[in-house]
PDB file of all heavy atoms in Angstrom:
ATOM      1  N   VAL A   1    -172.344 -13.913  57.219  1.00  0.00           N
ATOM      2  CA  VAL A   1    -172.504 -15.364  57.084  1.00  0.00           C
ATOM      3  C   VAL A   1    -172.380 -15.747  55.612  1.00  0.00           C
ATOM      4  O   VAL A   1    -172.947 -15.082  54.737  1.00  0.00           O
ATOM      5  CB  VAL A   1    -173.869 -15.809  57.645  1.00  0.00           C
ATOM      6  CG1 VAL A   1    -174.067 -17.307  57.461  1.00  0.00           C
ATOM      7  CG2 VAL A   1    -173.973 -15.452  59.121  1.00  0.00           C
ATOM      8  N   LEU A   2    -171.637 -16.827  55.348  1.00  0.00           N
ATOM      9  CA  LEU A   2    -171.418 -17.268  53.969  1.00  0.00           C
ATOM     10  C   LEU A   2    -172.140 -18.584  53.696  1.00  0.00           C
ATOM     11  O   LEU A   2    -171.972 -19.555  54.437  1.00  0.00           O
ATOM     12  CB  LEU A   2    -169.919 -17.462  53.713  1.00  0.00           C
ATOM     13  CG  LEU A   2    -169.011 -16.244  53.915  1.00  0.00           C
ATOM     14  CD1 LEU A   2    -167.548 -16.658  53.760  1.00  0.00           C
ATOM     15  CD2 LEU A   2    -169.357 -15.146  52.924  1.00  0.00           C
ATOM     16  N   SER A   3    -172.923 -18.617  52.629  1.00  0.00           N
ATOM     17  CA  SER A   3    -173.569 -19.869  52.219  1.00  0.00           C
ATOM     18  C   SER A   3    -172.698 -20.653  51.239  1.00  0.00           C
ATOM     19  O   SER A   3    -172.867 -21.864  51.086  1.00  0.00           O
ATOM     20  CB  SER A   3    -174.921 -19.580  51.565  1.00  0.00           C
ATOM     21  OG  SER A   3    -175.807 -19.046  52.520  1.00  0.00           O
ATOM     22  N   SER A   4    -171.785 -19.943  50.571  1.00  0.00           N
ATOM     23  CA  SER A   4    -170.893 -20.625  49.629  1.00  0.00           C
ATOM     24  C   SER A   4    -169.614 -19.821  49.469  1.00  0.00           C
ATOM     25  O   SER A   4    -169.581 -18.617  49.731  1.00  0.00           O
ATOM     26  CB  SER A   4    -171.577 -20.793  48.267  1.00  0.00           C
ATOM     27  OG  SER A   4    -171.830 -19.519  47.695  1.00  0.00           O
ATOM     28  N   MET A   5    -168.560 -20.512  49.046  1.00  0.00           N
ATOM     29  CA  MET A   5    -167.288 -19.880  48.707  1.00  0.00           C
ATOM     30  C   MET A   5    -166.662 -20.650  47.553  1.00  0.00           C
ATOM     31  O   MET A   5    -166.694 -21.890  47.555  1.00  0.00           O
ATOM     32  CB  MET A   5    -166.283 -19.936  49.878  1.00  0.00           C
ATOM     33  CG  MET A   5    -166.594 -19.135  51.095  1.00  0.00           C
ATOM     34  SD  MET A   5    -165.196 -19.162  52.289  1.00  0.00           S
ATOM     35  CE  MET A   5    -165.344 -20.827  52.980  1.00  0.00           C
ATOM     36  N   THR A   6    -166.115 -19.943  46.593  1.00  0.00           N
ATOM     37  CA  THR A   6    -165.237 -20.615  45.638  1.00  0.00           C
ATOM     38  C   THR A   6    -163.874 -20.753  46.301  1.00  0.00           C
ATOM     39  O   THR A   6    -163.587 -20.086  47.307  1.00  0.00           O
ATOM     40  CB  THR A   6    -165.086 -19.795  44.347  1.00  0.00           C
ATOM     41  OG1 THR A   6    -164.433 -18.558  44.675  1.00  0.00           O
ATOM     42  CG2 THR A   6    -166.426 -19.525  43.697  1.00  0.00           C
ATOM     43  N   VAL A   7    -163.028 -21.595  45.737  1.00  0.00           N
ATOM     44  CA  VAL A   7    -161.675 -21.760  46.261  1.00  0.00           C
ATOM     45  C   VAL A   7    -160.945 -20.415  46.275  1.00  0.00           C
ATOM     46  O   VAL A   7    -160.292 -20.053  47.267  1.00  0.00           O
ATOM     47  CB  VAL A   7    -160.900 -22.811  45.432  1.00  0.00           C
ATOM     48  CG1 VAL A   7    -159.403 -22.730  45.692  1.00  0.00           C
ATOM     49  CG2 VAL A   7    -161.423 -24.217  45.750  1.00  0.00           C
ATOM     50  N   ALA A   8    -161.073 -19.652  45.205  1.00  0.00           N
ATOM     51  CA  ALA A   8    -160.399 -18.346  45.122  1.00  0.00           C
ATOM     52  C   ALA A   8    -160.888 -17.403  46.218  1.00  0.00           C
ATOM     53  O   ALA A   8    -160.082 -16.697  46.857  1.00  0.00           O
ATOM     54  CB  ALA A   8    -160.628 -17.719  43.745  1.00  0.00           C
ATOM     55  N   GLU A   9    -162.200 -17.395  46.461  1.00  0.00           N
ATOM     56  CA  GLU A   9    -162.747 -16.543  47.524  1.00  0.00           C
ATOM     57  C   GLU A   9    -162.255 -16.991  48.895  1.00  0.00           C
ATOM     58  O   GLU A   9    -161.877 -16.159  49.735  1.00  0.00           O
ATOM     59  CB  GLU A   9    -164.281 -16.581  47.484  1.00  0.00           C
ATOM     60  CG  GLU A   9    -164.892 -15.823  46.310  1.00  0.00           C
ATOM     61  CD  GLU A   9    -166.373 -16.096  46.137  1.00  0.00           C
ATOM     62  OE1 GLU A   9    -166.879 -17.120  46.655  1.00  0.00           O
ATOM     63  OE2 GLU A   9    -167.030 -15.277  45.472  1.00  0.00           O
ATOM     64  N   ALA A  10    -162.249 -18.297  49.116  1.00  0.00           N
ATOM     65  CA  ALA A  10    -161.811 -18.827  50.408  1.00  0.00           C
ATOM     66  C   ALA A  10    -160.352 -18.469  50.678  1.00  0.00           C
ATOM     67  O   ALA A  10    -159.992 -18.089  51.810  1.00  0.00           O
ATOM     68  CB  ALA A  10    -162.004 -20.344  50.441  1.00  0.00           C
ATOM     69  N   ILE A  11    -159.507 -18.569  49.643  1.00  0.00           N
ATOM     70  CA  ILE A  11    -158.089 -18.218  49.804  1.00  0.00           C
ATOM     71  C   ILE A  11    -157.955 -16.731  50.135  1.00  0.00           C
ATOM     72  O   ILE A  11    -157.174 -16.336  51.012  1.00  0.00           O
ATOM     73  CB  ILE A  11    -157.295 -18.577  48.531  1.00  0.00           C
ATOM     74  CG1 ILE A  11    -157.207 -20.106  48.390  1.00  0.00           C
ATOM     75  CG2 ILE A  11    -155.891 -17.966  48.558  1.00  0.00           C
ATOM     76  CD1 ILE A  11    -156.661 -20.588  47.054  1.00  0.00           C
ATOM     77  N   SER A  12    -158.735 -15.906  49.464  1.00  0.00           N
ATOM     78  CA  SER A  12    -158.702 -14.462  49.709  1.00  0.00           C
ATOM     79  C   SER A  12    -159.108 -14.146  51.149  1.00  0.00           C
ATOM     80  O   SER A  12    -158.437 -13.373  51.837  1.00  0.00           O
ATOM     81  CB  SER A  12    -159.624 -13.761  48.714  1.00  0.00           C
ATOM     82  OG  SER A  12    -159.667 -12.381  48.970  1.00  0.00           O
ATOM     83  N   TYR A  13    -160.193 -14.752  51.620  1.00  0.00           N
ATOM     84  CA  TYR A  13    -160.647 -14.528  52.997  1.00  0.00           C
ATOM     85  C   TYR A  13    -159.599 -15.022  53.998  1.00  0.00           C
ATOM     86  O   TYR A  13    -159.373 -14.399  55.032  1.00  0.00           O
ATOM     87  CB  TYR A  13    -161.971 -15.263  53.262  1.00  0.00           C
ATOM     88  CG  TYR A  13    -163.137 -14.799  52.428  1.00  0.00           C
ATOM     89  CD1 TYR A  13    -164.087 -15.723  51.960  1.00  0.00           C
ATOM     90  CD2 TYR A  13    -163.332 -13.452  52.108  1.00  0.00           C
ATOM     91  CE1 TYR A  13    -165.183 -15.316  51.205  1.00  0.00           C
ATOM     92  CE2 TYR A  13    -164.418 -13.041  51.340  1.00  0.00           C
ATOM     93  CZ  TYR A  13    -165.335 -13.977  50.886  1.00  0.00           C
ATOM     94  OH  TYR A  13    -166.411 -13.576  50.131  1.00  0.00           O
ATOM     95  N   MET A  14    -158.982 -16.153  53.677  1.00  0.00           N
ATOM     96  CA  MET A  14    -157.954 -16.727  54.539  1.00  0.00           C
ATOM     97  C   MET A  14    -156.775 -15.761  54.667  1.00  0.00           C
ATOM     98  O   MET A  14    -156.276 -15.511  55.770  1.00  0.00           O
ATOM     99  CB  MET A  14    -157.506 -18.068  53.939  1.00  0.00           C
ATOM    100  CG  MET A  14    -156.814 -18.991  54.887  1.00  0.00           C
ATOM    101  SD  MET A  14    -156.696 -20.661  54.177  1.00  0.00           S
ATOM    102  CE  MET A  14    -155.655 -20.405  52.751  1.00  0.00           C
ATOM    103  N   GLU A  15    -156.351 -15.208  53.525  1.00  0.00           N
ATOM    104  CA  GLU A  15    -155.216 -14.277  53.518  1.00  0.00           C
ATOM    105  C   GLU A  15    -155.543 -12.976  54.243  1.00  0.00           C
ATOM    106  O   GLU A  15    -154.654 -12.316  54.777  1.00  0.00           O
ATOM    107  CB  GLU A  15    -154.787 -13.989  52.074  1.00  0.00           C
ATOM    108  CG  GLU A  15    -154.103 -15.182  51.412  1.00  0.00           C
ATOM    109  CD  GLU A  15    -153.856 -14.996  49.924  1.00  0.00           C
ATOM    110  OE1 GLU A  15    -154.413 -14.038  49.328  1.00  0.00           O
ATOM    111  OE2 GLU A  15    -153.106 -15.822  49.351  1.00  0.00           O
ATOM    112  N   GLU A  16    -156.831 -12.633  54.291  1.00  0.00           N
ATOM    113  CA  GLU A  16    -157.247 -11.432  55.028  1.00  0.00           C
ATOM    114  C   GLU A  16    -157.325 -11.677  56.536  1.00  0.00           C
ATOM    115  O   GLU A  16    -157.585 -10.746  57.309  1.00  0.00           O
ATOM    116  CB  GLU A  16    -158.617 -10.953  54.513  1.00  0.00           C
ATOM    117  CG  GLU A  16    -158.574 -10.366  53.098  1.00  0.00           C
ATOM    118  CD  GLU A  16    -159.964 -10.175  52.502  1.00  0.00           C
ATOM    119  OE1 GLU A  16    -160.962 -10.263  53.255  1.00  0.00           O
ATOM    120  OE2 GLU A  16    -160.054  -9.942  51.277  1.00  0.00           O
ATOM    121  N   GLY A  17    -157.110 -12.928  56.957  1.00  0.00           N
ATOM    122  CA  GLY A  17    -157.068 -13.244  58.384  1.00  0.00           C
ATOM    123  C   GLY A  17    -158.406 -13.473  59.048  1.00  0.00           C
ATOM    124  O   GLY A  17    -158.555 -13.304  60.256  1.00  0.00           O
ATOM    125  N   HIS A  18    -159.418 -13.895  58.261  1.00  0.00           N
ATOM    126  CA  HIS A  18    -160.755 -14.076  58.820  1.00  0.00           C
ATOM    127  C   HIS A  18    -160.894 -15.347  59.673  1.00  0.00           C
ATOM    128  O   HIS A  18    -161.830 -15.434  60.465  1.00  0.00           O
ATOM    129  CB  HIS A  18    -161.791 -14.113  57.692  1.00  0.00           C
ATOM    130  CG  HIS A  18    -162.109 -12.772  57.129  1.00  0.00           C
ATOM    131  ND1 HIS A  18    -162.881 -11.844  57.788  1.00  0.00           N
ATOM    132  CD2 HIS A  18    -161.749 -12.183  55.953  1.00  0.00           C
ATOM    133  CE1 HIS A  18    -162.996 -10.756  57.059  1.00  0.00           C
ATOM    134  NE2 HIS A  18    -162.329 -10.933  55.931  1.00  0.00           N
ATOM    135  N   PHE A  19    -160.014 -16.328  59.488  1.00  0.00           N
ATOM    136  CA  PHE A  19    -160.216 -17.631  60.118  1.00  0.00           C
ATOM    137  C   PHE A  19    -159.122 -17.908  61.144  1.00  0.00           C
ATOM    138  O   PHE A  19    -157.937 -17.855  60.840  1.00  0.00           O
ATOM    139  CB  PHE A  19    -160.251 -18.727  59.048  1.00  0.00           C
ATOM    140  CG  PHE A  19    -161.193 -18.416  57.917  1.00  0.00           C
ATOM    141  CD1 PHE A  19    -160.762 -18.452  56.595  1.00  0.00           C
ATOM    142  CD2 PHE A  19    -162.517 -18.075  58.167  1.00  0.00           C
ATOM    143  CE1 PHE A  19    -161.618 -18.158  55.541  1.00  0.00           C
ATOM    144  CE2 PHE A  19    -163.391 -17.779  57.123  1.00  0.00           C
ATOM    145  CZ  PHE A  19    -162.940 -17.815  55.807  1.00  0.00           C
ATOM    146  N   ALA A  20    -159.545 -18.263  62.353  1.00  0.00           N
ATOM    147  CA  ALA A  20    -158.591 -18.441  63.459  1.00  0.00           C
ATOM    148  C   ALA A  20    -157.825 -19.750  63.334  1.00  0.00           C
ATOM    149  O   ALA A  20    -158.422 -20.802  63.090  1.00  0.00           O
ATOM    150  CB  ALA A  20    -159.339 -18.411  64.788  1.00  0.00           C
ATOM    151  N   PRO A  21    -156.496 -19.710  63.514  1.00  0.00           N
ATOM    152  CA  PRO A  21    -155.701 -20.951  63.539  1.00  0.00           C
ATOM    153  C   PRO A  21    -156.191 -21.852  64.674  1.00  0.00           C
ATOM    154  O   PRO A  21    -156.577 -21.371  65.736  1.00  0.00           O
ATOM    155  CB  PRO A  21    -154.276 -20.456  63.817  1.00  0.00           C
ATOM    156  CG  PRO A  21    -154.271 -19.012  63.436  1.00  0.00           C
ATOM    157  CD  PRO A  21    -155.664 -18.518  63.704  1.00  0.00           C
ATOM    158  N   GLY A  22    -156.200 -23.158  64.435  1.00  0.00           N
ATOM    159  CA  GLY A  22    -156.652 -24.099  65.461  1.00  0.00           C
ATOM    160  C   GLY A  22    -158.157 -24.130  65.617  1.00  0.00           C
ATOM    161  O   GLY A  22    -158.695 -24.865  66.424  1.00  0.00           O
ATOM    162  N   SER A  23    -158.863 -23.312  64.811  1.00  0.00           N
ATOM    163  CA  SER A  23    -160.324 -23.272  64.892  1.00  0.00           C
ATOM    164  C   SER A  23    -160.905 -23.427  63.481  1.00  0.00           C
ATOM    165  O   SER A  23    -160.972 -24.524  62.950  1.00  0.00           O
ATOM    166  CB  SER A  23    -160.754 -21.959  65.556  1.00  0.00           C
ATOM    167  OG  SER A  23    -162.150 -21.894  65.673  1.00  0.00           O
ATOM    168  N   MET A  24    -161.288 -22.327  62.825  1.00  0.00           N
ATOM    169  CA  MET A  24    -161.890 -22.421  61.492  1.00  0.00           C
ATOM    170  C   MET A  24    -160.852 -22.568  60.379  1.00  0.00           C
ATOM    171  O   MET A  24    -161.147 -23.157  59.323  1.00  0.00           O
ATOM    172  CB  MET A  24    -162.774 -21.195  61.227  1.00  0.00           C
ATOM    173  CG  MET A  24    -163.581 -21.262  59.945  1.00  0.00           C
ATOM    174  SD  MET A  24    -164.629 -22.749  59.776  1.00  0.00           S
ATOM    175  CE  MET A  24    -165.951 -22.363  60.941  1.00  0.00           C
ATOM    176  N   LEU A  25    -159.634 -22.058  60.587  1.00  0.00           N
ATOM    177  CA  LEU A  25    -158.630 -22.070  59.520  1.00  0.00           C
ATOM    178  C   LEU A  25    -158.368 -23.462  58.941  1.00  0.00           C
ATOM    179  O   LEU A  25    -158.426 -23.637  57.719  1.00  0.00           O
ATOM    180  CB  LEU A  25    -157.324 -21.424  59.998  1.00  0.00           C
ATOM    181  CG  LEU A  25    -156.206 -21.345  58.958  1.00  0.00           C
ATOM    182  CD1 LEU A  25    -156.611 -20.520  57.747  1.00  0.00           C
ATOM    183  CD2 LEU A  25    -154.929 -20.770  59.578  1.00  0.00           C
ATOM    184  N   PRO A  26    -158.081 -24.494  59.756  1.00  0.00           N
ATOM    185  CA  PRO A  26    -157.820 -25.813  59.157  1.00  0.00           C
ATOM    186  C   PRO A  26    -159.030 -26.391  58.426  1.00  0.00           C
ATOM    187  O   PRO A  26    -158.867 -27.147  57.466  1.00  0.00           O
ATOM    188  CB  PRO A  26    -157.412 -26.686  60.346  1.00  0.00           C
ATOM    189  CG  PRO A  26    -157.873 -25.962  61.559  1.00  0.00           C
ATOM    190  CD  PRO A  26    -157.863 -24.510  61.217  1.00  0.00           C
ATOM    191  N   LYS A  27    -160.232 -26.027  58.853  1.00  0.00           N
ATOM    192  CA  LYS A  27    -161.444 -26.506  58.170  1.00  0.00           C
ATOM    193  C   LYS A  27    -161.531 -25.909  56.763  1.00  0.00           C
ATOM    194  O   LYS A  27    -161.820 -26.610  55.789  1.00  0.00           O
ATOM    195  CB  LYS A  27    -162.678 -26.154  58.998  1.00  0.00           C
ATOM    196  CG  LYS A  27    -162.741 -26.889  60.328  1.00  0.00           C
ATOM    197  CD  LYS A  27    -163.775 -26.318  61.259  1.00  0.00           C
ATOM    198  CE  LYS A  27    -163.848 -27.108  62.551  1.00  0.00           C
ATOM    199  NZ  LYS A  27    -162.553 -27.303  63.236  1.00  0.00           N
ATOM    200  N   VAL A  28    -161.278 -24.605  56.680  1.00  0.00           N
ATOM    201  CA  VAL A  28    -161.303 -23.947  55.370  1.00  0.00           C
ATOM    202  C   VAL A  28    -160.174 -24.475  54.489  1.00  0.00           C
ATOM    203  O   VAL A  28    -160.364 -24.722  53.293  1.00  0.00           O
ATOM    204  CB  VAL A  28    -161.226 -22.409  55.537  1.00  0.00           C
ATOM    205  CG1 VAL A  28    -161.085 -21.712  54.185  1.00  0.00           C
ATOM    206  CG2 VAL A  28    -162.474 -21.892  56.265  1.00  0.00           C
TER     207      VAL A  28
END
């Protein structure tokens, strides 16, 4: 569980495939 993310961290997590398209990905 994440309480905070910097933009750089969020991009890194996104590129690692942590966020589902049509679900959490567009929110991030």
